[in-house]
């Protein structure tokens, strides 16, 4: 049900059941062998829908669900590549991150509170951590250490090389964090992360204690689950912030709730002189404030403050407000953004450095987050609902080597 404020709830917005074609109407007829330039084969948006997974028939090339809007997008593609569903046994997948040292893709299932890894050599997906405290965003720093955002414990942590865990941040100005969401690392050793309230609920974390914004009337039994873990994160949320933690451990707010409400995905430009940040929709306990569901960009000053705020893209497409979530930049400065929205529009949106939409990747679910992986960083991995997808591309992602 659409709420009175006119915004789709985040999960409903991101979870599309399929994508309706703006082109070919579904006929249900079997494709013929001699497909010409003017006849598009069935794709994920048709009825019957495109088949995925083991046993599915081979995909057409070029893939009809990799949509070229500007010819510059063609240069970023490997024409013989097709989208593949790698795995579909999750619940709500988030935070994909590539480990160069381990040669695996790490990703979170925020609902089941597990972390998984996709092994490059075998293509197998295995449980990496059976309890991740409802982790969401993940990344690897320039020393190959894993950094994760934990919703249940409302903190950002780093796994050291000896297997120990270091808490990077769990409080700001004496108050607990909300639910750290996305995290990126800078070559100077700084760790940047967003702290909205999407984990302030029992689906992906735990609600506030009675009287908190995510549990104002106290009906939610917010301590349930504590007995299984032995501890619980902060119990009353504060305002949204985007934070930076310097190498000494000092935490500072680089963006306030007023400057960027409901902060979500983060990404640096290839030269690390600009920060892209997503302002997403209303969240649990949001106290009525809404983000604009757009991507904003800021200049990073020498003292790590942000200046010259401007709109990168409003994420409106064909008259529809899309819901951006996670994003990554490639080496040419293009921004690849996962988005949810109405049937037929969900998937990945690709923008050039000037903010112009140059291409799309259509998927049967909204994309929560994505990253570039593989030994050459030329495979795009996309988390979409319960599934993980991949596509080989003709560019490389920007990330620690």
Protein backbone atom coordinates (compact mmCIF):
# COMPACT_ATOMS: atom_id res chain seq x y z
CA UNK A 1 0.00 0.00 0.00
CA UNK A 2 1.29 3.43 -0.89
CA UNK A 3 1.46 5.71 2.18
CA UNK A 4 -0.29 9.05 2.38
CA UNK A 5 2.92 10.99 1.90
CA UNK A 6 3.15 9.67 -1.66
CA UNK A 7 6.47 7.88 -1.20
CA UNK A 8 6.78 4.15 -1.59
CA UNK A 9 8.33 2.40 1.43
CA UNK A 10 11.97 1.60 0.82
CA UNK A 11 11.55 -2.15 0.66
CA UNK A 12 8.49 -1.93 -1.61
CA UNK A 13 10.31 0.58 -3.77
CA UNK A 14 13.35 -1.63 -4.19
CA UNK A 15 11.58 -4.97 -4.60
CA UNK A 16 10.21 -5.10 -8.12
CA UNK A 17 8.75 -8.39 -9.25
CA UNK A 18 9.78 -7.82 -12.83
CA UNK A 19 10.46 -5.15 -15.39
CA UNK A 20 7.93 -4.23 -18.09
CA UNK A 21 9.40 -3.59 -21.50
CA UNK A 22 9.17 -0.15 -23.00
CA UNK A 23 9.74 -1.78 -26.36
CA UNK A 24 8.75 -5.27 -27.44
CA UNK A 25 5.34 -6.47 -26.30
CA UNK A 26 5.20 -9.98 -24.92
CA UNK A 27 3.90 -12.56 -27.32
CA UNK A 28 4.80 -15.83 -25.63
CA UNK A 29 6.03 -17.17 -28.96
CA UNK A 30 9.27 -19.09 -29.18
CA UNK A 31 12.16 -17.04 -30.63
CA UNK A 32 13.20 -17.82 -34.17
CA UNK A 33 16.76 -18.61 -35.13
CA UNK A 34 17.38 -15.68 -37.48
CA UNK A 35 16.89 -12.72 -35.16
CA UNK A 36 17.51 -9.49 -37.06
CA UNK A 37 18.52 -6.02 -35.94
CA UNK A 38 14.91 -4.87 -35.86
CA UNK A 39 13.52 -7.80 -33.88
CA UNK A 40 14.39 -7.93 -30.19
CA UNK A 41 14.40 -11.35 -28.50
CA UNK A 42 12.41 -11.98 -25.32
CA UNK A 43 14.01 -10.52 -22.22
CA UNK A 44 13.40 -10.14 -18.50
CA UNK A 45 10.60 -7.68 -19.13
CA UNK A 46 8.48 -9.91 -21.34
CA UNK A 47 5.78 -12.45 -20.61
CA UNK A 48 6.76 -15.23 -20.16
CA UNK A 49 9.75 -13.72 -18.33
CA UNK A 50 13.38 -14.43 -19.04
CA UNK A 51 14.60 -17.59 -17.36
CA UNK A 52 17.44 -17.44 -14.85
CA UNK A 53 19.71 -19.83 -13.05
CA UNK A 54 20.86 -23.42 -13.77
CA UNK A 55 19.13 -25.05 -16.71
CA UNK A 56 18.04 -21.76 -18.27
CA UNK A 57 18.51 -21.51 -22.05
CA UNK A 58 21.48 -19.48 -23.28
CA UNK A 59 20.97 -15.72 -23.30
CA UNK A 60 20.95 -13.65 -26.46
CA UNK A 61 23.93 -11.43 -27.25
CA UNK A 62 24.08 -8.56 -27.02
CA UNK A 63 22.02 -8.94 -23.87
CA UNK A 64 18.64 -7.22 -24.44
CA UNK A 65 18.53 -6.10 -20.82
CA UNK A 66 21.75 -4.10 -21.10
CA UNK A 67 20.26 -0.95 -22.57
CA UNK A 68 22.43 1.58 -24.39
CA UNK A 69 21.08 5.13 -24.07
CA UNK A 70 24.21 6.99 -25.19
CA UNK A 71 26.79 5.47 -27.54
CA UNK A 72 29.52 6.15 -24.93
CA UNK A 73 27.99 3.36 -22.85
CA UNK A 74 28.82 0.90 -25.61
CA UNK A 75 32.53 1.42 -24.95
CA UNK A 76 32.02 0.26 -21.34
CA UNK A 77 30.49 -3.05 -22.39
CA UNK A 78 31.79 -6.42 -23.51
CA UNK A 79 29.35 -7.21 -26.29
CA UNK A 80 29.49 -10.98 -25.80
CA UNK A 81 28.66 -10.77 -22.07
CA UNK A 82 25.25 -11.60 -20.67
CA UNK A 83 23.73 -11.09 -17.24
CA UNK A 84 23.86 -14.17 -15.02
CA UNK A 85 22.08 -14.91 -11.78
CA UNK A 86 24.84 -16.30 -9.58
CA UNK A 87 22.80 -17.18 -6.49
CA UNK A 88 19.22 -16.80 -5.29
CA UNK A 89 19.09 -18.23 -1.76
CA UNK A 90 19.22 -14.97 0.18
CA UNK A 91 16.55 -12.74 1.67
CA UNK A 92 17.76 -9.16 1.27
CA UNK A 93 21.32 -8.91 -0.03
CA UNK A 94 23.51 -5.85 0.52
CA UNK A 95 27.07 -4.58 0.79
CA UNK A 96 29.01 -6.46 -1.93
CA UNK A 97 32.78 -5.95 -1.59
CA UNK A 98 35.67 -7.59 -3.44
CA UNK A 99 38.67 -9.01 -1.55
CA UNK A 100 41.73 -8.87 -3.80
CA UNK A 101 43.80 -10.96 -1.40
CA UNK A 102 41.16 -13.64 -0.88
CA UNK A 103 39.80 -13.52 -4.46
CA UNK A 104 36.22 -13.62 -3.24
CA UNK A 105 33.17 -11.39 -3.17
CA UNK A 106 31.79 -10.70 0.30
CA UNK A 107 28.15 -9.71 0.73
CA UNK A 108 25.57 -9.44 3.52
CA UNK A 109 22.08 -10.80 4.01
CA UNK A 110 20.76 -8.08 6.30
CA UNK A 111 17.61 -10.00 7.28
CA UNK A 112 19.10 -13.40 8.16
CA UNK A 113 22.15 -11.73 9.75
CA UNK A 114 24.72 -13.67 7.74
CA UNK A 115 27.63 -12.86 5.49
CA UNK A 116 28.38 -14.91 2.39
CA UNK A 117 31.24 -15.11 -0.04
CA UNK A 118 31.32 -15.92 -3.74
CA UNK A 119 34.52 -17.83 -4.55
CA UNK A 120 36.10 -16.70 -7.79
CA UNK A 121 37.79 -19.98 -8.70
CA UNK A 122 34.70 -22.18 -8.33
CA UNK A 123 31.72 -19.84 -8.48
CA UNK A 124 30.48 -21.38 -5.24
CA UNK A 125 28.65 -19.29 -2.63
CA UNK A 126 29.36 -20.27 0.97
CA UNK A 127 28.49 -18.91 4.41
CA UNK A 128 31.34 -16.66 5.51
CA UNK A 129 30.03 -15.55 8.91
CA UNK A 130 26.92 -17.28 10.29
CA UNK A 131 26.28 -14.29 12.59
CA UNK A 132 27.00 -10.83 11.24
CA UNK A 133 24.83 -8.74 13.61
CA UNK A 134 22.64 -7.74 10.66
CA UNK A 135 25.56 -6.26 8.75
CA UNK A 136 24.83 -4.07 5.75
CA UNK A 137 27.66 -2.22 4.00
CA UNK A 138 31.12 -3.77 3.63
CA UNK A 139 34.43 -2.74 2.14
CA UNK A 140 38.11 -3.67 2.25
CA UNK A 141 40.73 -1.07 3.13
CA UNK A 142 44.14 -0.52 1.54
CA UNK A 143 45.66 -3.14 3.84
CA UNK A 144 43.08 -5.76 2.82
CA UNK A 145 41.14 -5.61 6.11
CA UNK A 146 37.38 -6.06 6.07
CA UNK A 147 35.23 -3.18 7.36
CA UNK A 148 31.54 -3.76 8.05
CA UNK A 149 28.49 -1.81 9.21
CA UNK A 150 26.50 -3.72 11.85
CA UNK A 151 22.87 -2.74 12.31
CA UNK A 152 22.14 -4.76 15.44
CA UNK A 153 25.11 -3.46 17.39
CA UNK A 154 24.87 -0.06 15.67
CA UNK A 155 28.55 0.22 14.95
CA UNK A 156 31.28 0.11 12.30
CA UNK A 157 33.95 -2.56 12.86
CA UNK A 158 37.18 -3.70 11.24
CA UNK A 159 38.54 -7.24 11.16
CA UNK A 160 42.28 -7.15 11.77
CA UNK A 161 44.75 -9.55 10.14
CA UNK A 162 45.07 -11.56 13.36
CA UNK A 163 41.32 -12.22 13.42
CA UNK A 164 40.49 -9.72 16.15
CA UNK A 165 37.75 -7.10 15.79
CA UNK A 166 38.26 -3.38 16.30
CA UNK A 167 35.30 -1.04 16.82
CA UNK A 168 35.79 1.91 14.48
CA UNK A 169 32.73 3.87 15.63
CA UNK A 170 29.68 3.25 17.81
CA UNK A 171 29.00 6.66 19.39
CA UNK A 172 29.03 10.30 18.41
CA UNK A 173 29.07 13.10 20.98
CA UNK A 174 28.15 10.63 23.69
CA UNK A 175 25.13 9.21 21.89
CA UNK A 176 24.89 5.81 20.17
CA UNK A 177 24.77 5.57 16.39
CA UNK A 178 21.58 4.67 14.52
CA UNK A 179 22.43 1.90 12.03
CA UNK A 180 25.58 2.48 9.95
CA UNK A 181 24.67 1.71 6.36
CA UNK A 182 27.37 2.22 3.72
CA UNK A 183 31.12 2.64 4.15
CA UNK A 184 34.03 3.68 1.92
CA UNK A 185 37.76 4.10 2.55
CA UNK A 186 40.08 6.90 1.47
CA UNK A 187 43.77 6.50 0.59
CA UNK A 188 44.66 8.80 3.53
CA UNK A 189 43.36 6.13 5.93
CA UNK A 190 40.04 7.82 6.61
CA UNK A 191 36.85 5.77 6.84
CA UNK A 192 33.63 7.45 5.70
CA UNK A 193 30.17 6.05 6.47
CA UNK A 194 26.49 6.98 6.53
CA UNK A 195 24.25 6.53 9.58
CA UNK A 196 20.54 6.58 8.73
CA UNK A 197 17.94 4.58 10.64
CA UNK A 198 17.10 1.73 8.28
CA UNK A 199 18.28 -0.81 10.84
CA UNK A 200 16.08 0.65 13.58
CA UNK A 201 13.61 -2.22 13.36
CA UNK A 202 13.49 -5.89 14.21
CA UNK A 203 13.76 -6.97 10.56
CA UNK A 204 17.35 -5.72 10.16
CA UNK A 205 18.43 -4.91 13.70
CA UNK A 206 16.44 -3.78 16.70
CA UNK A 207 14.12 -0.89 17.45
CA UNK A 208 14.75 1.87 19.96
CA UNK A 209 13.80 1.50 23.59
CA UNK A 210 10.33 2.89 24.43
CA UNK A 211 10.16 6.59 23.65
CA UNK A 212 12.77 6.46 20.91
CA UNK A 213 11.88 7.56 17.40
CA UNK A 214 11.69 3.99 16.10
CA UNK A 215 9.53 2.85 19.05
CA UNK A 216 7.62 5.93 20.28
CA UNK A 217 4.75 4.11 22.00
CA UNK A 218 6.90 1.28 23.37
CA UNK A 219 4.91 -1.55 21.79
CA UNK A 220 7.92 -3.10 20.07
CA UNK A 221 9.77 -5.55 22.31
CA UNK A 222 13.11 -4.10 21.40
CA UNK A 223 15.31 -6.34 23.57
CA UNK A 224 14.23 -9.62 21.98
CA UNK A 225 17.27 -11.37 20.50
CA UNK A 226 19.61 -9.96 23.09
CA UNK A 227 19.80 -13.32 24.83
CA UNK A 228 21.21 -14.91 21.68
CA UNK A 229 23.97 -12.36 21.24
CA UNK A 230 24.74 -11.26 24.77
CA UNK A 231 24.71 -7.56 24.08
CA UNK A 232 22.74 -5.00 22.15
CA UNK A 233 23.62 -1.82 20.34
CA UNK A 234 22.55 1.71 21.19
CA UNK A 235 18.99 2.11 22.33
CA UNK A 236 17.93 5.55 21.16
CA UNK A 237 18.67 6.93 17.74
CA UNK A 238 19.97 10.40 17.07
CA UNK A 239 19.86 12.61 14.00
CA UNK A 240 21.20 11.26 10.71
CA UNK A 241 24.81 12.01 9.86
CA UNK A 242 27.50 11.19 7.36
CA UNK A 243 30.73 10.59 9.27
CA UNK A 244 34.45 10.44 8.74
CA UNK A 245 36.79 8.57 11.10
CA UNK A 246 40.40 9.66 10.76
CA UNK A 247 43.33 7.24 11.22
CA UNK A 248 43.66 8.31 14.87
CA UNK A 249 40.10 7.15 15.57
CA UNK A 250 38.53 10.60 15.88
CA UNK A 251 34.99 10.72 14.47
CA UNK A 252 33.57 13.84 12.89
CA UNK A 253 30.30 14.62 11.12
CA UNK A 254 30.94 15.78 7.57
CA UNK A 255 27.23 16.12 6.73
CA UNK A 256 24.30 16.74 9.06
CA UNK A 257 20.72 15.61 8.71
CA UNK A 258 19.81 19.09 7.45
CA UNK A 259 22.51 18.99 4.80
CA UNK A 260 21.75 15.43 3.62
CA UNK A 261 18.67 13.77 5.16
CA UNK A 262 18.52 9.98 5.17
CA UNK A 263 22.08 9.44 3.87
CA UNK A 264 22.58 6.08 2.20
CA UNK A 265 25.10 5.12 -0.50
CA UNK A 266 28.57 6.70 -0.65
CA UNK A 267 31.22 6.76 -3.35
CA UNK A 268 34.44 8.64 -4.11
CA UNK A 269 35.39 9.92 -7.54
CA UNK A 270 38.45 8.19 -9.07
CA UNK A 271 40.75 11.01 -7.93
CA UNK A 272 39.18 11.03 -4.43
CA UNK A 273 38.51 14.75 -4.69
CA UNK A 274 34.73 14.42 -4.77
CA UNK A 275 32.22 12.54 -2.65
CA UNK A 276 28.93 11.25 -4.04
CA UNK A 277 26.16 10.70 -1.50
CA UNK A 278 22.61 9.42 -1.85
CA UNK A 279 19.69 10.91 0.05
CA UNK A 280 17.06 8.18 0.22
CA UNK A 281 13.44 7.88 1.33
CA UNK A 282 11.75 7.88 4.71
CA UNK A 283 12.97 5.36 7.26
CA UNK A 284 11.71 3.88 10.55
CA UNK A 285 11.71 6.53 13.24
CA UNK A 286 12.58 9.19 10.71
CA UNK A 287 10.52 11.76 12.62
CA UNK A 288 8.84 12.81 9.39
CA UNK A 289 11.92 13.86 7.45
CA UNK A 290 12.35 12.61 3.93
CA UNK A 291 15.33 12.51 1.63
CA UNK A 292 14.94 13.64 -1.96
CA UNK A 293 15.96 10.26 -3.45
CA UNK A 294 18.70 11.91 -5.47
CA UNK A 295 22.48 11.71 -5.79
CA UNK A 296 24.47 14.69 -4.55
CA UNK A 297 28.15 15.50 -5.03
CA UNK A 298 30.54 17.50 -2.84
CA UNK A 299 34.11 18.71 -3.19
CA UNK A 300 36.49 17.31 -0.54
CA UNK A 301 38.71 20.04 0.90
CA UNK A 302 42.26 19.52 2.18
CA UNK A 303 40.96 19.49 5.76
CA UNK A 304 38.38 16.82 4.77
CA UNK A 305 35.43 19.16 5.04
CA UNK A 306 32.92 19.20 2.19
CA UNK A 307 32.19 22.19 -0.02
CA UNK A 308 30.31 23.18 -3.18
CA UNK A 309 27.24 20.92 -2.69
CA UNK A 310 25.34 20.27 -5.91
CA UNK A 311 22.84 17.89 -7.42
CA UNK A 312 24.42 15.17 -9.55
CA UNK A 313 21.14 13.60 -10.69
CA UNK A 314 17.57 13.69 -9.42
CA UNK A 315 17.12 10.01 -10.34
CA UNK A 316 13.93 10.65 -12.27
CA UNK A 317 13.45 8.47 -15.33
CA UNK A 318 10.54 8.51 -17.76
CA UNK A 319 8.63 10.71 -15.33
CA UNK A 320 9.16 8.30 -12.41
CA UNK A 321 11.13 8.94 -9.23
CA UNK A 322 13.57 6.05 -8.84
CA UNK A 323 15.01 4.97 -5.51
CA UNK A 324 18.82 5.01 -5.55
CA UNK A 325 20.61 2.95 -2.91
CA UNK A 326 24.26 1.96 -3.52
CA UNK A 327 26.76 3.05 -6.17
CA UNK A 328 30.32 2.66 -7.42
CA UNK A 329 32.56 4.62 -9.81
CA UNK A 330 34.63 3.15 -12.61
CA UNK A 331 38.11 4.29 -13.63
CA UNK A 332 36.69 6.72 -16.20
CA UNK A 333 34.54 8.51 -13.62
CA UNK A 334 31.22 6.97 -14.63
CA UNK A 335 28.82 6.27 -11.77
CA UNK A 336 27.01 2.92 -11.63
CA UNK A 337 23.99 3.18 -9.32
CA UNK A 338 21.61 0.48 -8.12
CA UNK A 339 17.99 1.58 -7.97
CA UNK A 340 14.51 0.34 -7.30
CA UNK A 341 11.28 1.58 -8.72
CA UNK A 342 8.16 0.58 -10.65
CA UNK A 343 8.09 -2.53 -12.77
CA UNK A 344 10.16 -2.12 -15.87
CA UNK A 345 12.55 0.53 -14.61
CA UNK A 346 14.43 -1.16 -11.77
CA UNK A 347 18.04 -2.27 -11.97
CA UNK A 348 21.27 -0.30 -12.55
CA UNK A 349 21.57 3.24 -13.90
CA UNK A 350 24.90 4.39 -15.35
CA UNK A 351 25.82 8.10 -15.49
CA UNK A 352 28.81 9.79 -17.07
CA UNK A 353 30.88 12.23 -14.95
CA UNK A 354 28.63 15.10 -16.03
CA UNK A 355 25.55 13.36 -14.59
CA UNK A 356 24.00 12.30 -17.91
CA UNK A 357 22.34 8.89 -18.05
CA UNK A 358 24.15 6.77 -20.64
CA UNK A 359 22.93 3.24 -19.95
CA UNK A 360 20.79 0.88 -17.91
CA UNK A 361 20.83 -2.74 -16.78
CA UNK A 362 17.35 -4.18 -16.28
CA UNK A 363 16.84 -6.80 -13.60
CA UNK A 364 13.77 -8.51 -12.13
CA UNK A 365 14.42 -6.79 -8.77
CA UNK A 366 15.58 -3.41 -7.60
CA UNK A 367 19.33 -3.32 -6.95
CA UNK A 368 20.32 -2.44 -3.39
CA UNK A 369 24.06 -2.23 -4.01
CA UNK A 370 26.77 -3.28 -6.43
CA UNK A 371 30.53 -3.44 -6.86
CA UNK A 372 33.24 -4.32 -9.35
CA UNK A 373 35.11 -7.56 -8.70
CA UNK A 374 37.15 -10.31 -10.25
CA UNK A 375 40.97 -10.31 -10.48
CA UNK A 376 40.85 -7.47 -13.03
CA UNK A 377 37.91 -5.66 -11.38
CA UNK A 378 35.95 -5.89 -14.64
CA UNK A 379 32.96 -7.88 -13.40
CA UNK A 380 29.95 -6.00 -12.07
CA UNK A 381 28.28 -7.79 -9.16
CA UNK A 382 24.74 -6.69 -8.28
CA UNK A 383 22.72 -7.47 -5.15
CA UNK A 384 19.01 -7.48 -5.97
CA UNK A 385 16.47 -8.78 -3.46
CA UNK A 386 17.35 -12.38 -2.65
CA UNK A 387 19.67 -12.76 -5.66
CA UNK A 388 23.22 -11.97 -6.72
CA UNK A 389 23.87 -11.17 -10.40
CA UNK A 390 27.04 -10.55 -12.41
CA UNK A 391 27.97 -9.00 -15.75
CA UNK A 392 31.39 -8.75 -17.40
CA UNK A 393 32.12 -5.19 -18.52
CA UNK A 394 34.80 -3.31 -20.47
CA UNK A 395 35.85 -1.03 -17.63
CA UNK A 396 37.22 -1.42 -14.12
CA UNK A 397 36.00 -0.33 -10.74
CA UNK A 398 37.74 2.17 -8.48
CA UNK A 399 38.69 0.51 -5.20
CA UNK A 400 41.77 -0.49 -3.18
CA UNK A 401 43.96 -2.83 -5.23
